[in-house]
C-alpha cells in the first residue's frame, strides 16, 4: 500500500479493529480508493460469506468514511471489525505496515 497507513487494536471482547487511513489532496484520492477497494475485494474473496456484525459470529464487518477537509484535503478511513481469524489472515496478506 502506498497511501494507506494501518493501525491494529485489540480489545477485551475478542473483536479486533483494523484501521486503514489516508489523507491526501484531491488529485491522489482516486489512488487511495483503489487501495481501499483492493482490501475490500480481498476481504470479500476470502471471507465474503462471513461479512456482518462480528458480535453476531461473523468474521468481519467494515465502515468506510470519506471526509472532505479544508484546503482540498480528503481523509479516507476504512475500519474493519474483525475476528481473530480474519485479523490473522489480513495481517498475513497486508501485513508489514500493521502496528499494535
PDB file of N, CA and C in Angstrom:
ATOM      1  N   UNK A   1       0.836  -1.172   0.000  1.00  0.00           N
ATOM      2  CA  UNK A   1       0.000   0.000   0.000  1.00  0.00           C
ATOM      3  C   UNK A   1       0.886   1.243   0.000  1.00  0.00           C
ATOM      4  N   UNK A   2       0.538   2.150  -0.853  1.00  0.00           N
ATOM      5  CA  UNK A   2       1.339   3.363  -0.985  1.00  0.00           C
ATOM      6  C   UNK A   2       0.777   4.522  -0.166  1.00  0.00           C
ATOM      7  N   UNK A   3      -0.537   4.627  -0.089  1.00  0.00           N
ATOM      8  CA  UNK A   3      -1.165   5.774   0.560  1.00  0.00           C
ATOM      9  C   UNK A   3      -1.701   5.470   1.951  1.00  0.00           C
ATOM     10  N   UNK A   4      -2.240   4.297   2.137  1.00  0.00           N
ATOM     11  CA  UNK A   4      -2.899   3.960   3.393  1.00  0.00           C
ATOM     12  C   UNK A   4      -1.892   3.585   4.478  1.00  0.00           C
ATOM     13  N   UNK A   5      -2.136   4.072   5.680  1.00  0.00           N
ATOM     14  CA  UNK A   5      -1.383   3.633   6.843  1.00  0.00           C
ATOM     15  C   UNK A   5      -2.317   2.800   7.707  1.00  0.00           C
ATOM     16  N   UNK A   6      -1.750   1.875   8.458  1.00  0.00           N
ATOM     17  CA  UNK A   6      -2.550   0.908   9.200  1.00  0.00           C
ATOM     18  C   UNK A   6      -2.361   1.052  10.702  1.00  0.00           C
ATOM     19  N   UNK A   7      -3.421   0.714  11.420  1.00  0.00           N
ATOM     20  CA  UNK A   7      -3.373   0.629  12.871  1.00  0.00           C
ATOM     21  C   UNK A   7      -4.197  -0.589  13.272  1.00  0.00           C
ATOM     22  N   UNK A   8      -3.708  -1.300  14.275  1.00  0.00           N
ATOM     23  CA  UNK A   8      -4.347  -2.525  14.748  1.00  0.00           C
ATOM     24  C   UNK A   8      -4.618  -2.363  16.233  1.00  0.00           C
ATOM     25  N   UNK A   9      -5.844  -2.639  16.658  1.00  0.00           N
ATOM     26  CA  UNK A   9      -6.207  -2.523  18.064  1.00  0.00           C
ATOM     27  C   UNK A   9      -6.882  -3.802  18.525  1.00  0.00           C
ATOM     28  N   UNK A  10      -6.434  -4.313  19.641  1.00  0.00           N
ATOM     29  CA  UNK A  10      -7.039  -5.483  20.265  1.00  0.00           C
ATOM     30  C   UNK A  10      -7.997  -4.997  21.348  1.00  0.00           C
ATOM     31  N   UNK A  11      -9.036  -5.776  21.614  1.00  0.00           N
ATOM     32  CA  UNK A  11      -9.973  -5.387  22.671  1.00  0.00           C
ATOM     33  C   UNK A  11     -10.242  -6.578  23.570  1.00  0.00           C
ATOM     34  N   UNK A  12     -10.885  -6.313  24.694  1.00  0.00           N
ATOM     35  CA  UNK A  12     -11.151  -7.385  25.652  1.00  0.00           C
ATOM     36  C   UNK A  12     -12.324  -8.268  25.245  1.00  0.00           C
ATOM     37  N   UNK A  13     -13.099  -7.857  24.225  1.00  0.00           N
ATOM     38  CA  UNK A  13     -14.271  -8.639  23.822  1.00  0.00           C
ATOM     39  C   UNK A  13     -14.007  -9.530  22.607  1.00  0.00           C
ATOM     40  N   UNK A  14     -12.735  -9.770  22.291  1.00  0.00           N
ATOM     41  CA  UNK A  14     -12.320 -10.630  21.171  1.00  0.00           C
ATOM     42  C   UNK A  14     -12.708 -10.078  19.811  1.00  0.00           C
ATOM     43  N   UNK A  15     -13.060  -8.809  19.724  1.00  0.00           N
ATOM     44  CA  UNK A  15     -13.285  -8.154  18.438  1.00  0.00           C
ATOM     45  C   UNK A  15     -12.110  -7.216  18.222  1.00  0.00           C
ATOM     46  N   UNK A  16     -11.404  -7.438  17.129  1.00  0.00           N
ATOM     47  CA  UNK A  16     -10.218  -6.657  16.805  1.00  0.00           C
ATOM     48  C   UNK A  16     -10.602  -5.537  15.843  1.00  0.00           C
ATOM     49  N   UNK A  17      -9.840  -4.467  15.868  1.00  0.00           N
ATOM     50  CA  UNK A  17     -10.083  -3.354  14.954  1.00  0.00           C
ATOM     51  C   UNK A  17      -8.844  -3.152  14.097  1.00  0.00           C
ATOM     52  N   UNK A  18      -9.059  -3.149  12.793  1.00  0.00           N
ATOM     53  CA  UNK A  18      -8.011  -2.873  11.829  1.00  0.00           C
ATOM     54  C   UNK A  18      -8.427  -1.611  11.083  1.00  0.00           C
ATOM     55  N   UNK A  19      -7.597  -0.589  11.147  1.00  0.00           N
ATOM     56  CA  UNK A  19      -7.957   0.681  10.526  1.00  0.00           C
ATOM     57  C   UNK A  19      -6.902   1.079   9.503  1.00  0.00           C
ATOM     58  N   UNK A  20      -7.376   1.449   8.331  1.00  0.00           N
ATOM     59  CA  UNK A  20      -6.511   1.970   7.279  1.00  0.00           C
ATOM     60  C   UNK A  20      -6.946   3.402   7.009  1.00  0.00           C
ATOM     61  N   UNK A  21      -5.974   4.324   6.941  1.00  0.00           N
ATOM     62  CA  UNK A  21      -6.330   5.720   6.761  1.00  0.00           C
ATOM     63  C   UNK A  21      -5.336   6.413   5.843  1.00  0.00           C
ATOM     64  N   UNK A  22      -5.868   7.375   5.085  1.00  0.00           N
ATOM     65  CA  UNK A  22      -5.031   8.228   4.251  1.00  0.00           C
ATOM     66  C   UNK A  22      -5.656   9.612   4.198  1.00  0.00           C
ATOM     67  N   UNK A  23      -4.806  10.606   4.180  1.00  0.00           N
ATOM     68  CA  UNK A  23      -5.255  11.978   3.993  1.00  0.00           C
ATOM     69  C   UNK A  23      -4.427  12.556   2.851  1.00  0.00           C
ATOM     70  N   UNK A  24      -5.102  12.834   1.749  1.00  0.00           N
ATOM     71  CA  UNK A  24      -4.400  13.275   0.544  1.00  0.00           C
ATOM     72  C   UNK A  24      -5.132  14.455  -0.088  1.00  0.00           C
ATOM     73  N   UNK A  25      -4.482  15.073  -1.020  1.00  0.00           N
ATOM     74  CA  UNK A  25      -5.125  16.088  -1.850  1.00  0.00           C
ATOM     75  C   UNK A  25      -6.057  15.377  -2.830  1.00  0.00           C
ATOM     76  N   UNK A  26      -6.977  16.121  -3.385  1.00  0.00           N
ATOM     77  CA  UNK A  26      -7.964  15.558  -4.296  1.00  0.00           C
ATOM     78  C   UNK A  26      -7.377  14.790  -5.460  1.00  0.00           C
ATOM     79  N   UNK A  27      -6.229  15.237  -5.961  1.00  0.00           N
ATOM     80  CA  UNK A  27      -5.610  14.584  -7.117  1.00  0.00           C
ATOM     81  C   UNK A  27      -5.186  13.149  -6.822  1.00  0.00           C
ATOM     82  N   UNK A  28      -4.929  12.829  -5.552  1.00  0.00           N
ATOM     83  CA  UNK A  28      -4.495  11.487  -5.181  1.00  0.00           C
ATOM     84  C   UNK A  28      -5.630  10.614  -4.641  1.00  0.00           C
ATOM     85  N   UNK A  29      -6.810  11.176  -4.536  1.00  0.00           N
ATOM     86  CA  UNK A  29      -7.931  10.455  -3.926  1.00  0.00           C
ATOM     87  C   UNK A  29      -8.274   9.172  -4.680  1.00  0.00           C
ATOM     88  N   UNK A  30      -8.254   9.211  -5.992  1.00  0.00           N
ATOM     89  CA  UNK A  30      -8.584   8.012  -6.773  1.00  0.00           C
ATOM     90  C   UNK A  30      -7.620   6.866  -6.459  1.00  0.00           C
ATOM     91  N   UNK A  31      -6.342   7.171  -6.280  1.00  0.00           N
ATOM     92  CA  UNK A  31      -5.353   6.133  -5.957  1.00  0.00           C
ATOM     93  C   UNK A  31      -5.620   5.542  -4.571  1.00  0.00           C
ATOM     94  N   UNK A  32      -6.036   6.377  -3.631  1.00  0.00           N
ATOM     95  CA  UNK A  32      -6.384   5.886  -2.294  1.00  0.00           C
ATOM     96  C   UNK A  32      -7.566   4.931  -2.396  1.00  0.00           C
ATOM     97  N   UNK A  33      -8.560   5.313  -3.170  1.00  0.00           N
ATOM     98  CA  UNK A  33      -9.745   4.462  -3.292  1.00  0.00           C
ATOM     99  C   UNK A  33      -9.437   3.138  -3.985  1.00  0.00           C
ATOM    100  N   UNK A  34      -8.453   3.121  -4.871  1.00  0.00           N
ATOM    101  CA  UNK A  34      -8.018   1.853  -5.473  1.00  0.00           C
ATOM    102  C   UNK A  34      -7.496   0.930  -4.371  1.00  0.00           C
ATOM    103  N   UNK A  35      -6.680   1.463  -3.458  1.00  0.00           N
ATOM    104  CA  UNK A  35      -6.155   0.656  -2.357  1.00  0.00           C
ATOM    105  C   UNK A  35      -7.282   0.168  -1.449  1.00  0.00           C
ATOM    106  N   UNK A  36      -8.235   1.041  -1.135  1.00  0.00           N
ATOM    107  CA  UNK A  36      -9.388   0.655  -0.308  1.00  0.00           C
ATOM    108  C   UNK A  36     -10.150  -0.480  -0.982  1.00  0.00           C
ATOM    109  N   UNK A  37     -10.408  -0.329  -2.260  1.00  0.00           N
ATOM    110  CA  UNK A  37     -11.155  -1.358  -2.990  1.00  0.00           C
ATOM    111  C   UNK A  37     -10.396  -2.672  -3.083  1.00  0.00           C
ATOM    112  N   UNK A  38      -9.062  -2.618  -3.127  1.00  0.00           N
ATOM    113  CA  UNK A  38      -8.261  -3.845  -3.125  1.00  0.00           C
ATOM    114  C   UNK A  38      -8.449  -4.605  -1.808  1.00  0.00           C
ATOM    115  N   UNK A  39      -8.428  -3.875  -0.704  1.00  0.00           N
ATOM    116  CA  UNK A  39      -8.616  -4.534   0.593  1.00  0.00           C
ATOM    117  C   UNK A  39     -10.022  -5.088   0.740  1.00  0.00           C
ATOM    118  N   UNK A  40     -11.018  -4.333   0.301  1.00  0.00           N
ATOM    119  CA  UNK A  40     -12.392  -4.831   0.386  1.00  0.00           C
ATOM    120  C   UNK A  40     -12.595  -6.043  -0.517  1.00  0.00           C
ATOM    121  N   UNK A  41     -11.989  -6.030  -1.694  1.00  0.00           N
ATOM    122  CA  UNK A  41     -12.096  -7.183  -2.603  1.00  0.00           C
ATOM    123  C   UNK A  41     -11.426  -8.413  -1.985  1.00  0.00           C
ATOM    124  N   UNK A  42     -10.279  -8.214  -1.328  1.00  0.00           N
ATOM    125  CA  UNK A  42      -9.615  -9.325  -0.647  1.00  0.00           C
ATOM    126  C   UNK A  42     -10.527  -9.896   0.444  1.00  0.00           C
ATOM    127  N   UNK A  43     -11.097  -9.020   1.273  1.00  0.00           N
ATOM    128  CA  UNK A  43     -11.971  -9.473   2.356  1.00  0.00           C
ATOM    129  C   UNK A  43     -13.163 -10.240   1.802  1.00  0.00           C
ATOM    130  N   UNK A  44     -13.740  -9.725   0.743  1.00  0.00           N
ATOM    131  CA  UNK A  44     -14.900 -10.372   0.130  1.00  0.00           C
ATOM    132  C   UNK A  44     -14.521 -11.733  -0.460  1.00  0.00           C
ATOM    133  N   UNK A  45     -13.358 -11.804  -1.099  1.00  0.00           N
ATOM    134  CA  UNK A  45     -12.914 -13.060  -1.722  1.00  0.00           C
ATOM    135  C   UNK A  45     -12.608 -14.137  -0.684  1.00  0.00           C
ATOM    136  N   UNK A  46     -12.051 -13.747   0.463  1.00  0.00           N
ATOM    137  CA  UNK A  46     -11.611 -14.726   1.455  1.00  0.00           C
ATOM    138  C   UNK A  46     -12.621 -14.988   2.567  1.00  0.00           C
ATOM    139  N   UNK A  47     -13.482 -14.008   2.855  1.00  0.00           N
ATOM    140  CA  UNK A  47     -14.419 -14.141   3.969  1.00  0.00           C
ATOM    141  C   UNK A  47     -15.804 -13.598   3.606  1.00  0.00           C
ATOM    142  N   UNK A  48     -16.122 -13.567   2.326  1.00  0.00           N
ATOM    143  CA  UNK A  48     -17.347 -12.930   1.860  1.00  0.00           C
ATOM    144  C   UNK A  48     -18.625 -13.435   2.496  1.00  0.00           C
ATOM    145  N   UNK A  49     -18.718 -14.736   2.692  1.00  0.00           N
ATOM    146  CA  UNK A  49     -19.946 -15.293   3.257  1.00  0.00           C
ATOM    147  C   UNK A  49     -20.057 -15.041   4.752  1.00  0.00           C
ATOM    148  N   UNK A  50     -18.997 -14.499   5.344  1.00  0.00           N
ATOM    149  CA  UNK A  50     -18.977 -14.265   6.792  1.00  0.00           C
ATOM    150  C   UNK A  50     -18.867 -12.776   7.110  1.00  0.00           C
ATOM    151  N   UNK A  51     -19.444 -11.934   6.254  1.00  0.00           N
ATOM    152  CA  UNK A  51     -19.446 -10.482   6.431  1.00  0.00           C
ATOM    153  C   UNK A  51     -20.683 -10.069   7.216  1.00  0.00           C
ATOM    154  N   UNK A  52     -20.490  -9.299   8.251  1.00  0.00           N
ATOM    155  CA  UNK A  52     -21.583  -8.816   9.081  1.00  0.00           C
ATOM    156  C   UNK A  52     -21.070  -8.559  10.486  1.00  0.00           C
ATOM    157  N   UNK A  53     -21.940  -8.193  11.389  1.00  0.00           N
ATOM    158  CA  UNK A  53     -21.502  -7.876  12.755  1.00  0.00           C
ATOM    159  C   UNK A  53     -20.707  -9.016  13.396  1.00  0.00           C
ATOM    160  N   UNK A  54     -19.514  -8.712  13.837  1.00  0.00           N
ATOM    161  CA  UNK A  54     -18.642  -9.725  14.432  1.00  0.00           C
ATOM    162  C   UNK A  54     -19.245 -10.240  15.733  1.00  0.00           C
ATOM    163  N   UNK A  55     -19.920  -9.371  16.468  1.00  0.00           N
ATOM    164  CA  UNK A  55     -20.533  -9.803  17.731  1.00  0.00           C
ATOM    165  C   UNK A  55     -21.650 -10.821  17.500  1.00  0.00           C
ATOM    166  N   UNK A  56     -22.117 -10.945  16.250  1.00  0.00           N
ATOM    167  CA  UNK A  56     -23.117 -11.954  15.899  1.00  0.00           C
ATOM    168  C   UNK A  56     -22.492 -13.224  15.324  1.00  0.00           C
ATOM    169  N   UNK A  57     -21.164 -13.326  15.403  1.00  0.00           N
ATOM    170  CA  UNK A  57     -20.483 -14.534  14.946  1.00  0.00           C
ATOM    171  C   UNK A  57     -19.878 -14.452  13.558  1.00  0.00           C
ATOM    172  N   UNK A  58     -19.951 -13.303  12.905  1.00  0.00           N
ATOM    173  CA  UNK A  58     -19.339 -13.151  11.587  1.00  0.00           C
ATOM    174  C   UNK A  58     -17.842 -12.898  11.737  1.00  0.00           C
ATOM    175  N   UNK A  59     -17.106 -13.029  10.623  1.00  0.00           N
ATOM    176  CA  UNK A  59     -15.656 -12.861  10.655  1.00  0.00           C
ATOM    177  C   UNK A  59     -15.237 -11.396  10.547  1.00  0.00           C
ATOM    178  N   UNK A  60     -16.046 -10.586   9.852  1.00  0.00           N
ATOM    179  CA  UNK A  60     -15.633  -9.199   9.643  1.00  0.00           C
ATOM    180  C   UNK A  60     -16.813  -8.316   9.283  1.00  0.00           C
ATOM    181  N   UNK A  61     -16.623  -7.056   9.558  1.00  0.00           N
ATOM    182  CA  UNK A  61     -17.545  -6.003   9.140  1.00  0.00           C
ATOM    183  C   UNK A  61     -16.680  -4.785   8.850  1.00  0.00           C
ATOM    184  N   UNK A  62     -17.238  -3.799   8.198  1.00  0.00           N
ATOM    185  CA  UNK A  62     -16.421  -2.626   7.886  1.00  0.00           C
ATOM    186  C   UNK A  62     -17.246  -1.349   7.844  1.00  0.00           C
ATOM    187  N   UNK A  63     -16.535  -0.256   7.960  1.00  0.00           N
ATOM    188  CA  UNK A  63     -17.119   1.070   7.796  1.00  0.00           C
ATOM    189  C   UNK A  63     -16.130   1.894   6.983  1.00  0.00           C
ATOM    190  N   UNK A  64     -16.632   2.604   5.989  1.00  0.00           N
ATOM    191  CA  UNK A  64     -15.803   3.455   5.144  1.00  0.00           C
ATOM    192  C   UNK A  64     -16.281   4.891   5.293  1.00  0.00           C
ATOM    193  N   UNK A  65     -15.365   5.762   5.694  1.00  0.00           N
ATOM    194  CA  UNK A  65     -15.674   7.179   5.831  1.00  0.00           C
ATOM    195  C   UNK A  65     -14.779   7.967   4.890  1.00  0.00           C
ATOM    196  N   UNK A  66     -15.383   8.887   4.153  1.00  0.00           N
ATOM    197  CA  UNK A  66     -14.649   9.796   3.280  1.00  0.00           C
ATOM    198  C   UNK A  66     -15.039  11.206   3.690  1.00  0.00           C
ATOM    199  N   UNK A  67     -14.045  11.967   4.151  1.00  0.00           N
ATOM    200  CA  UNK A  67     -14.313  13.313   4.640  1.00  0.00           C
ATOM    201  C   UNK A  67     -13.531  14.324   3.811  1.00  0.00           C
ATOM    202  N   UNK A  68     -14.237  15.332   3.319  1.00  0.00           N
ATOM    203  CA  UNK A  68     -13.611  16.420   2.585  1.00  0.00           C
ATOM    204  C   UNK A  68     -13.251  17.516   3.577  1.00  0.00           C
ATOM    205  N   UNK A  69     -11.960  17.819   3.652  1.00  0.00           N
ATOM    206  CA  UNK A  69     -11.439  18.764   4.636  1.00  0.00           C
ATOM    207  C   UNK A  69     -11.119  20.095   3.968  1.00  0.00           C
ATOM    208  N   UNK A  70     -10.856  21.091   4.788  1.00  0.00           N
ATOM    209  CA  UNK A  70     -10.428  22.392   4.279  1.00  0.00           C
ATOM    210  C   UNK A  70      -9.131  22.261   3.504  1.00  0.00           C
ATOM    211  N   UNK A  71      -8.942  23.129   2.546  1.00  0.00           N
ATOM    212  CA  UNK A  71      -7.700  23.150   1.787  1.00  0.00           C
ATOM    213  C   UNK A  71      -7.594  22.085   0.724  1.00  0.00           C
ATOM    214  N   UNK A  72      -8.700  21.406   0.409  1.00  0.00           N
ATOM    215  CA  UNK A  72      -8.671  20.389  -0.639  1.00  0.00           C
ATOM    216  C   UNK A  72      -8.203  19.020  -0.195  1.00  0.00           C
ATOM    217  N   UNK A  73      -8.046  18.807   1.100  1.00  0.00           N
ATOM    218  CA  UNK A  73      -7.637  17.504   1.606  1.00  0.00           C
ATOM    219  C   UNK A  73      -8.848  16.578   1.714  1.00  0.00           C
ATOM    220  N   UNK A  74      -8.606  15.300   1.466  1.00  0.00           N
ATOM    221  CA  UNK A  74      -9.644  14.281   1.615  1.00  0.00           C
ATOM    222  C   UNK A  74      -9.082  13.192   2.520  1.00  0.00           C
ATOM    223  N   UNK A  75      -9.796  12.906   3.602  1.00  0.00           N
ATOM    224  CA  UNK A  75      -9.381  11.863   4.535  1.00  0.00           C
ATOM    225  C   UNK A  75     -10.292  10.659   4.342  1.00  0.00           C
ATOM    226  N   UNK A  76      -9.670   9.515   4.121  1.00  0.00           N
ATOM    227  CA  UNK A  76     -10.380   8.254   3.939  1.00  0.00           C
ATOM    228  C   UNK A  76     -10.000   7.336   5.097  1.00  0.00           C
ATOM    229  N   UNK A  77     -11.007   6.794   5.764  1.00  0.00           N
ATOM    230  CA  UNK A  77     -10.775   5.850   6.854  1.00  0.00           C
ATOM    231  C   UNK A  77     -11.601   4.595   6.595  1.00  0.00           C
ATOM    232  N   UNK A  78     -10.922   3.471   6.481  1.00  0.00           N
ATOM    233  CA  UNK A  78     -11.569   2.168   6.332  1.00  0.00           C
ATOM    234  C   UNK A  78     -11.304   1.401   7.618  1.00  0.00           C
ATOM    235  N   UNK A  79     -12.373   1.090   8.350  1.00  0.00           N
ATOM    236  CA  UNK A  79     -12.250   0.391   9.623  1.00  0.00           C
ATOM    237  C   UNK A  79     -12.900  -0.982   9.515  1.00  0.00           C
ATOM    238  N   UNK A  80     -12.116  -1.993   9.826  1.00  0.00           N
ATOM    239  CA  UNK A  80     -12.622  -3.360   9.885  1.00  0.00           C
ATOM    240  C   UNK A  80     -12.801  -3.747  11.344  1.00  0.00           C
ATOM    241  N   UNK A  81     -13.956  -4.292  11.692  1.00  0.00           N
ATOM    242  CA  UNK A  81     -14.139  -5.035  12.938  1.00  0.00           C
ATOM    243  C   UNK A  81     -13.894  -6.478  12.545  1.00  0.00           C
ATOM    244  N   UNK A  82     -13.088  -7.187  13.330  1.00  0.00           N
ATOM    245  CA  UNK A  82     -12.638  -8.486  12.845  1.00  0.00           C
ATOM    246  C   UNK A  82     -12.523  -9.527  13.948  1.00  0.00           C
ATOM    247  N   UNK A  83     -12.766 -10.761  13.536  1.00  0.00           N
ATOM    248  CA  UNK A  83     -12.462 -11.901  14.395  1.00  0.00           C
ATOM    249  C   UNK A  83     -10.951 -12.117  14.352  1.00  0.00           C
ATOM    250  N   UNK A  84     -10.439 -12.913  15.272  1.00  0.00           N
ATOM    251  CA  UNK A  84      -9.011 -13.221  15.274  1.00  0.00           C
ATOM    252  C   UNK A  84      -8.597 -13.904  13.973  1.00  0.00           C
ATOM    253  N   UNK A  85      -9.439 -14.777  13.456  1.00  0.00           N
ATOM    254  CA  UNK A  85      -9.136 -15.480  12.199  1.00  0.00           C
ATOM    255  C   UNK A  85      -8.975 -14.492  11.052  1.00  0.00           C
ATOM    256  N   UNK A  86      -9.908 -13.545  10.932  1.00  0.00           N
ATOM    257  CA  UNK A  86      -9.831 -12.536   9.878  1.00  0.00           C
ATOM    258  C   UNK A  86      -8.592 -11.669  10.075  1.00  0.00           C
ATOM    259  N   UNK A  87      -8.351 -11.219  11.302  1.00  0.00           N
ATOM    260  CA  UNK A  87      -7.211 -10.345  11.572  1.00  0.00           C
ATOM    261  C   UNK A  87      -5.890 -11.032  11.231  1.00  0.00           C
ATOM    262  N   UNK A  88      -5.754 -12.304  11.564  1.00  0.00           N
ATOM    263  CA  UNK A  88      -4.529 -13.038  11.243  1.00  0.00           C
ATOM    264  C   UNK A  88      -4.328 -13.134   9.737  1.00  0.00           C
ATOM    265  N   UNK A  89      -5.393 -13.456   9.010  1.00  0.00           N
ATOM    266  CA  UNK A  89      -5.300 -13.556   7.551  1.00  0.00           C
ATOM    267  C   UNK A  89      -5.023 -12.193   6.933  1.00  0.00           C
ATOM    268  N   UNK A  90      -5.653 -11.151   7.467  1.00  0.00           N
ATOM    269  CA  UNK A  90      -5.440  -9.788   6.979  1.00  0.00           C
ATOM    270  C   UNK A  90      -3.979  -9.389   7.166  1.00  0.00           C
ATOM    271  N   UNK A  91      -3.449  -9.639   8.348  1.00  0.00           N
ATOM    272  CA  UNK A  91      -2.052  -9.301   8.604  1.00  0.00           C
ATOM    273  C   UNK A  91      -1.105 -10.089   7.707  1.00  0.00           C
ATOM    274  N   UNK A  92      -1.424 -11.346   7.437  1.00  0.00           N
ATOM    275  CA  UNK A  92      -0.582 -12.147   6.535  1.00  0.00           C
ATOM    276  C   UNK A  92      -0.622 -11.593   5.113  1.00  0.00           C
ATOM    277  N   UNK A  93      -1.780 -11.102   4.698  1.00  0.00           N
ATOM    278  CA  UNK A  93      -1.934 -10.586   3.334  1.00  0.00           C
ATOM    279  C   UNK A  93      -1.377  -9.173   3.173  1.00  0.00           C
ATOM    280  N   UNK A  94      -1.628  -8.301   4.150  1.00  0.00           N
ATOM    281  CA  UNK A  94      -1.306  -6.881   4.012  1.00  0.00           C
ATOM    282  C   UNK A  94      -0.222  -6.419   4.964  1.00  0.00           C
ATOM    283  N   UNK A  95       0.177  -7.292   5.801  1.00  0.00           N
ATOM    284  CA  UNK A  95       0.973  -7.248   6.947  1.00  0.00           C
ATOM    285  C   UNK A  95       1.985  -6.243   7.327  1.00  0.00           C
ATOM    286  N   UNK A  96       2.999  -6.020   6.598  1.00  0.00           N
ATOM    287  CA  UNK A  96       4.140  -5.308   7.136  1.00  0.00           C
ATOM    288  C   UNK A  96       3.836  -4.020   7.840  1.00  0.00           C
ATOM    289  N   UNK A  97       2.848  -3.256   7.407  1.00  0.00           N
ATOM    290  CA  UNK A  97       2.627  -1.945   7.983  1.00  0.00           C
ATOM    291  C   UNK A  97       1.697  -1.920   9.179  1.00  0.00           C
ATOM    292  N   UNK A  98       1.192  -3.043   9.606  1.00  0.00           N
ATOM    293  CA  UNK A  98       0.244  -3.033  10.730  1.00  0.00           C
ATOM    294  C   UNK A  98       0.979  -2.867  12.050  1.00  0.00           C
ATOM    295  N   UNK A  99       0.433  -1.988  12.871  1.00  0.00           N
ATOM    296  CA  UNK A  99       1.029  -1.734  14.181  1.00  0.00           C
ATOM    297  C   UNK A  99       0.022  -2.122  15.253  1.00  0.00           C
ATOM    298  N   UNK A 100       0.523  -2.594  16.369  1.00  0.00           N
ATOM    299  CA  UNK A 100      -0.336  -2.919  17.520  1.00  0.00           C
ATOM    300  C   UNK A 100      -0.134  -1.863  18.579  1.00  0.00           C
TER     301      UNK A 100
END
